[in-house]
Amino acid sequence: MVPDPTPTCDDATLLARLDRRGRRERALSPDGDRWLTVGDLLDAAARPTLGPGTVPGAVHVPGDDPVAAVTALLTAQAAGAVPVVSPGAPDAALLRRAARVAAGDPGGALLAVVTSGSSGRPRTVVRTAASWTASLDGFDAVLGPDAGPGTVVWAPGPPAATLTLFALWHALATGRPVVAPGAWRSGSVLATGATACSVHCVPAVLADVLAAGAGALPGLRRAVVAGAALPGGTRARAAAAGVGLAEYYGAAELSFVAADADGAGLRAFPGARLDVREGVVWVRSPYLAQGYLDHLDGEGALRRDGAGWATVGDRAALSPEGVLTVHGRGDGTATVGGTTVTLADVERALGGSPGVAEVVALAEPDRRFGERVLVVVRPHPADPLRTAARRDLLRTLRCLARAELPPAARPVRYIVREDLPRSPGGKVARTALAAQVVPATGTAGPDPRTLAP
């Protein structure tokens, strides 16, 4: 089904969609045990919010507490103010800027989200509420019948992450009770007693969920992942656990771009059109953000062409059959002896190795070749990390690299780690990781034969 790209302003907000539901319906829970009903949320939204998180025309939405975030978001929409979702304490200057933008915008209710992604560079993305409401039906199609209306949604992540925030928005707007415990903690379980539920998370969290086994998540029928490349083998592990897997690709600025509901490859999300120009993916859809809070007319990663198309610079290829292969952001490369290596291609080639939960490829300086590739590997949570097991894993990865990658792309150093630094949304914080493991420019780096701890 292609979603209606132009919901009316009165019908676009999450508050308006929630108001369609019965007041006694279960709506939101922090733990699967204690529940707020639709009526509880509507009543909370009707009470004015005063204090440091509010300025005329804008309301701070906390980025770490899902229940508080939903309440503040609905309160802002009830008051006709713009919700500003951000981690940490309220920023009065940020709120005032958002209020000024909202006051001068004739396009209806707005939503502003401060997001840092995996690069660590914060930016405030501004979109209309209608741009998300327009995608509700399309997202239903990606979820499929195993996660239809009434199915319990589990959204383990902070609302500052757009993946989690949209999961909350979609569930509450479409009649799905949602369990939102906040940031993922390994070993968490879902205790809803539901006979059917779905989980919405980044691939790294899904790896942990699958490792926990079916007993930890009774009723899990569907997983929806985004935010990072899906490691090879994850779909097979999910199928073995009886869990259907859907993947989507997008960005905070673009929202939904492409989706893969059944393993056949990423294709244009319902209602979106794709184009690849000089190796960069562009999209045209009703889901695009307006821009960044401080510069709606340009600058930053988001670029527009004047004809309704937009890009954030991700490199990709589009097959004649319409399958999109995403290679990562344009700066996600290493130049090895004059050869450009796309780091996402290295991650994709090695991520399917048995025993691997995640692979992160990075570029490090090299005196001879300019740069070289190193990879940081997080083993599957269920696998032991004894010295012998690490050596076996390294041997397997080196063999796979020789078989799957050209010489310039083969990593010269492998680091095995149980934990990786992450953004609030659960993505690998690549900048922080590189600061920990990449030698300073001009140094030769550790012996490439050494398996670092």
Foldseek 3Di string as FASTA:
>chain_A
DFFDLQDDQCCLALLNLLVVDDQQDFAEAQALPDTHGSVNLNVLLVDADDDPQDDVQEGEQEFFAVVSNSSRCSVCVVVNHEYEYDHDDHDVVVRVLRSVVSVPDPPHHKYWAWDCAQANDTFIFMAHSSLLSRCLVLVQVLFPPLAAAQAEEEEAFTCSDVQSVSVSSSCSSRRHHYHYNGHDDQPRAHDNPDLAYEYEAALLVLLSVLLVACVRYHRYAEYEHESADHFAPSCVSCVVRNHFYKYFYDDPQQPGAWIDRHPPATAGGRQKDWDADPQFIKIAGSNGTQPTSVCSPDDAQWDDDVPRIIGSQWGWDADPVRGIDTLGHPVQWEQFQNDTGRQSQLFRQQRNDPQFSGKGKDWAQAPPGGIAIEIETAGRPNDDDDPVVVVVSVVRSQVSCVVRHDPRHRHLAYEYDNDADADSRRHGNVNVRCVVQHDDHPDHHDHSVDHHD
